[in-house]
Amino acid sequence: MWNEFKKFAMKGNVIDLAVGVIIGGAFGKIVSSLVADVIMPLVGLLLGGVEFTKLMVKIGGAQLKYGQFIQNVVDFFIIAFSIFLFVKFINRFKKKEEPAVVVAKIDRQEELLAEIRDLLKEDRDILRKNETS
């Protein structure tokens, strides 16, 4: 069981996924900081000094923090767009693989079988034609 686990853990895809998750987490923190510390204060300033994270509505004893929700939605869209641009940029450098051309080799036996099939089809067509006449 240990050997199977080692084989699984050392596959290229698993290692690539782990690296991607770690880099993605760090990248997410950078973009979240960009949104929270740079973009949203500017948007708030343009909207008259509104700080989105402090927007809330009190209903009874509950506080609905819709400003934090708006902040998280903006974070998501900027992170998603940033990742899209990053992947698009990386894909430019990937080597484009040409599709492999598959050449089917037909041996002599298959050629003969194909000829027999075609002759049988012709005979069947002739028989049908004679039956309808």
C-alpha atoms as a PDB file:
ATOM      1  CA  MET A   1       0.000   0.000   0.000  1.00  0.00           C
ATOM      2  CA  TRP A   2       2.883   2.375   0.796  1.00  0.00           C
ATOM      3  CA  ASN A   3       4.432   1.758  -2.624  1.00  0.00           C
ATOM      4  CA  GLU A   4       1.124   2.496  -4.340  1.00  0.00           C
ATOM      5  CA  PHE A   5       0.810   5.736  -2.397  1.00  0.00           C
ATOM      6  CA  LYS A   6       4.385   6.764  -3.300  1.00  0.00           C
ATOM      7  CA  LYS A   7       3.709   5.999  -6.956  1.00  0.00           C
ATOM      8  CA  PHE A   8       0.497   8.071  -6.838  1.00  0.00           C
ATOM      9  CA  ALA A   9       2.075  10.987  -4.958  1.00  0.00           C
ATOM     10  CA  MET A  10       5.065  11.185  -7.272  1.00  0.00           C
ATOM     11  CA  LYS A  11       3.070  11.286 -10.504  1.00  0.00           C
ATOM     12  CA  GLY A  12       3.687  14.432 -12.484  1.00  0.00           C
ATOM     13  CA  ASN A  13       0.066  15.562 -12.358  1.00  0.00           C
ATOM     14  CA  VAL A  14      -0.104  15.438  -8.561  1.00  0.00           C
ATOM     15  CA  ILE A  15       3.093  17.457  -8.171  1.00  0.00           C
ATOM     16  CA  ASP A  16       1.896  19.992 -10.759  1.00  0.00           C
ATOM     17  CA  LEU A  17      -1.422  20.310  -8.955  1.00  0.00           C
ATOM     18  CA  ALA A  18       0.282  20.882  -5.596  1.00  0.00           C
ATOM     19  CA  VAL A  19       2.519  23.585  -7.048  1.00  0.00           C
ATOM     20  CA  GLY A  20      -0.493  25.175  -8.741  1.00  0.00           C
ATOM     21  CA  VAL A  21      -2.473  25.262  -5.508  1.00  0.00           C
ATOM     22  CA  ILE A  22       0.410  26.842  -3.575  1.00  0.00           C
ATOM     23  CA  ILE A  23       1.109  29.452  -6.239  1.00  0.00           C
ATOM     24  CA  GLY A  24      -2.627  30.075  -6.660  1.00  0.00           C
ATOM     25  CA  GLY A  25      -3.002  30.724  -2.929  1.00  0.00           C
ATOM     26  CA  ALA A  26      -0.141  33.207  -2.935  1.00  0.00           C
ATOM     27  CA  PHE A  27      -1.438  34.842  -6.109  1.00  0.00           C
ATOM     28  CA  GLY A  28      -4.904  35.097  -4.569  1.00  0.00           C
ATOM     29  CA  LYS A  29      -3.476  36.962  -1.564  1.00  0.00           C
ATOM     30  CA  ILE A  30      -1.699  39.431  -3.823  1.00  0.00           C
ATOM     31  CA  VAL A  31      -4.802  40.134  -5.885  1.00  0.00           C
ATOM     32  CA  SER A  32      -6.999  40.345  -2.757  1.00  0.00           C
ATOM     33  CA  SER A  33      -4.617  42.942  -1.348  1.00  0.00           C
ATOM     34  CA  LEU A  34      -4.698  44.838  -4.636  1.00  0.00           C
ATOM     35  CA  VAL A  35      -8.484  44.899  -4.557  1.00  0.00           C
ATOM     36  CA  ALA A  36      -8.880  45.671  -0.842  1.00  0.00           C
ATOM     37  CA  ASP A  37      -6.018  48.143  -0.470  1.00  0.00           C
ATOM     38  CA  VAL A  38      -5.887  49.892  -3.854  1.00  0.00           C
ATOM     39  CA  ILE A  39      -8.935  49.413  -6.057  1.00  0.00           C
ATOM     40  CA  MET A  40     -11.809  49.497  -3.563  1.00  0.00           C
ATOM     41  CA  PRO A  41     -10.582  52.636  -1.748  1.00  0.00           C
ATOM     42  CA  LEU A  42     -10.425  54.379  -5.124  1.00  0.00           C
ATOM     43  CA  VAL A  43     -13.906  53.144  -6.046  1.00  0.00           C
ATOM     44  CA  GLY A  44     -15.172  54.261  -2.626  1.00  0.00           C
ATOM     45  CA  LEU A  45     -13.569  57.665  -3.141  1.00  0.00           C
ATOM     46  CA  LEU A  46     -15.238  58.001  -6.535  1.00  0.00           C
ATOM     47  CA  LEU A  47     -18.574  57.132  -4.921  1.00  0.00           C
ATOM     48  CA  GLY A  48     -18.240  59.808  -2.249  1.00  0.00           C
ATOM     49  CA  GLY A  49     -16.002  58.237   0.379  1.00  0.00           C
ATOM     50  CA  VAL A  50     -17.962  54.986   0.803  1.00  0.00           C
ATOM     51  CA  GLU A  51     -16.036  52.168   2.476  1.00  0.00           C
ATOM     52  CA  PHE A  52     -17.639  48.996   1.186  1.00  0.00           C
ATOM     53  CA  THR A  53     -16.578  46.669   3.997  1.00  0.00           C
ATOM     54  CA  LYS A  54     -18.468  48.775   6.533  1.00  0.00           C
ATOM     55  CA  LEU A  55     -21.772  48.815   4.650  1.00  0.00           C
ATOM     56  CA  MET A  56     -24.408  46.840   6.555  1.00  0.00           C
ATOM     57  CA  VAL A  57     -28.087  46.727   7.430  1.00  0.00           C
ATOM     58  CA  LYS A  58     -29.377  45.890  10.894  1.00  0.00           C
ATOM     59  CA  ILE A  59     -32.466  43.716  10.970  1.00  0.00           C
ATOM     60  CA  GLY A  60     -33.481  43.012  14.522  1.00  0.00           C
ATOM     61  CA  GLY A  61     -30.371  41.729  16.275  1.00  0.00           C
ATOM     62  CA  ALA A  62     -28.693  40.583  13.036  1.00  0.00           C
ATOM     63  CA  GLN A  63     -26.278  42.530  10.888  1.00  0.00           C
ATOM     64  CA  LEU A  64     -26.320  41.905   7.151  1.00  0.00           C
ATOM     65  CA  LYS A  65     -22.864  42.905   5.953  1.00  0.00           C
ATOM     66  CA  TYR A  66     -23.638  43.370   2.280  1.00  0.00           C
ATOM     67  CA  GLY A  67     -20.593  45.619   1.840  1.00  0.00           C
ATOM     68  CA  GLN A  68     -18.261  42.715   2.618  1.00  0.00           C
ATOM     69  CA  PHE A  69     -20.216  40.644   0.107  1.00  0.00           C
ATOM     70  CA  ILE A  70     -19.698  43.320  -2.563  1.00  0.00           C
ATOM     71  CA  GLN A  71     -15.982  43.346  -1.672  1.00  0.00           C
ATOM     72  CA  ASN A  72     -15.774  39.560  -2.070  1.00  0.00           C
ATOM     73  CA  VAL A  73     -17.607  39.621  -5.409  1.00  0.00           C
ATOM     74  CA  VAL A  74     -15.211  42.263  -6.746  1.00  0.00           C
ATOM     75  CA  ASP A  75     -12.271  40.199  -5.411  1.00  0.00           C
ATOM     76  CA  PHE A  76     -13.565  37.135  -7.223  1.00  0.00           C
ATOM     77  CA  PHE A  77     -13.995  38.868 -10.571  1.00  0.00           C
ATOM     78  CA  ILE A  78     -10.581  40.514 -10.450  1.00  0.00           C
ATOM     79  CA  ILE A  79      -8.863  37.269  -9.383  1.00  0.00           C
ATOM     80  CA  ALA A  80     -10.688  35.301 -12.094  1.00  0.00           C
ATOM     81  CA  PHE A  81      -9.779  37.875 -14.738  1.00  0.00           C
ATOM     82  CA  SER A  82      -6.152  37.962 -13.566  1.00  0.00           C
ATOM     83  CA  ILE A  83      -5.885  34.175 -13.735  1.00  0.00           C
ATOM     84  CA  PHE A  84      -7.478  34.228 -17.198  1.00  0.00           C
ATOM     85  CA  LEU A  85      -4.867  36.724 -18.402  1.00  0.00           C
ATOM     86  CA  PHE A  86      -2.056  34.740 -16.761  1.00  0.00           C
ATOM     87  CA  VAL A  87      -3.140  31.461 -18.377  1.00  0.00           C
ATOM     88  CA  LYS A  88      -3.568  33.163 -21.731  1.00  0.00           C
ATOM     89  CA  PHE A  89      -0.051  34.601 -21.411  1.00  0.00           C
ATOM     90  CA  ILE A  90       1.453  31.216 -20.457  1.00  0.00           C
ATOM     91  CA  ASN A  91      -0.349  29.421 -23.299  1.00  0.00           C
ATOM     92  CA  ARG A  92       1.459  31.645 -25.806  1.00  0.00           C
ATOM     93  CA  PHE A  93       4.732  30.016 -24.842  1.00  0.00           C
ATOM     94  CA  LYS A  94       3.558  26.433 -24.919  1.00  0.00           C
ATOM     95  CA  LYS A  95       4.838  24.512 -27.870  1.00  0.00           C
ATOM     96  CA  LYS A  96       2.004  23.820 -30.225  1.00  0.00           C
ATOM     97  CA  GLU A  97       1.880  20.161 -31.028  1.00  0.00           C
ATOM     98  CA  GLU A  98       0.821  19.144 -34.484  1.00  0.00           C
ATOM     99  CA  PRO A  99      -1.777  16.399 -34.575  1.00  0.00           C
ATOM    100  CA  ALA A 100      -0.281  13.061 -35.407  1.00  0.00           C
ATOM    101  CA  VAL A 101      -1.281  11.739 -38.799  1.00  0.00           C
ATOM    102  CA  VAL A 102      -2.489   8.181 -38.528  1.00  0.00           C
ATOM    103  CA  VAL A 103      -1.827   6.138 -41.613  1.00  0.00           C
ATOM    104  CA  ALA A 104      -3.785   2.928 -41.599  1.00  0.00           C
ATOM    105  CA  LYS A 105      -1.998   0.094 -43.294  1.00  0.00           C
ATOM    106  CA  ILE A 106      -4.356  -2.376 -44.870  1.00  0.00           C
ATOM    107  CA  ASP A 107      -2.924  -5.803 -45.423  1.00  0.00           C
ATOM    108  CA  ARG A 108      -3.730  -7.966 -48.445  1.00  0.00           C
ATOM    109  CA  GLN A 109      -6.299 -10.069 -46.566  1.00  0.00           C
ATOM    110  CA  GLU A 110      -8.330  -6.983 -45.659  1.00  0.00           C
ATOM    111  CA  GLU A 111      -8.198  -5.782 -49.264  1.00  0.00           C
ATOM    112  CA  LEU A 112      -9.579  -9.107 -50.471  1.00  0.00           C
ATOM    113  CA  LEU A 113     -12.341  -9.054 -47.852  1.00  0.00           C
ATOM    114  CA  ALA A 114     -13.298  -5.533 -48.930  1.00  0.00           C
ATOM    115  CA  GLU A 115     -13.460  -6.649 -52.576  1.00  0.00           C
ATOM    116  CA  ILE A 116     -15.647  -9.634 -51.639  1.00  0.00           C
ATOM    117  CA  ARG A 117     -17.936  -7.347 -49.637  1.00  0.00           C
ATOM    118  CA  ASP A 118     -18.283  -4.985 -52.580  1.00  0.00           C
ATOM    119  CA  LEU A 119     -19.045  -7.863 -54.984  1.00  0.00           C
ATOM    120  CA  LEU A 120     -21.690  -9.218 -52.605  1.00  0.00           C
ATOM    121  CA  LYS A 121     -23.301  -5.767 -52.420  1.00  0.00           C
ATOM    122  CA  GLU A 122     -23.375  -5.588 -56.225  1.00  0.00           C
ATOM    123  CA  ASP A 123     -24.950  -9.059 -56.446  1.00  0.00           C
ATOM    124  CA  ARG A 124     -27.567  -8.128 -53.834  1.00  0.00           C
ATOM    125  CA  ASP A 125     -28.413  -4.957 -55.728  1.00  0.00           C
ATOM    126  CA  ILE A 126     -28.771  -6.903 -58.979  1.00  0.00           C
ATOM    127  CA  LEU A 127     -31.041  -9.485 -57.278  1.00  0.00           C
ATOM    128  CA  ARG A 128     -33.264  -6.778 -55.805  1.00  0.00           C
ATOM    129  CA  LYS A 129     -33.491  -5.084 -59.163  1.00  0.00           C
ATOM    130  CA  ASN A 130     -34.567  -8.349 -60.826  1.00  0.00           C
ATOM    131  CA  GLU A 131     -37.152  -9.053 -58.095  1.00  0.00           C
ATOM    132  CA  THR A 132     -38.856  -5.706 -58.582  1.00  0.00           C
ATOM    133  CA  SER A 133     -38.964  -6.111 -62.375  1.00  0.00           C
END
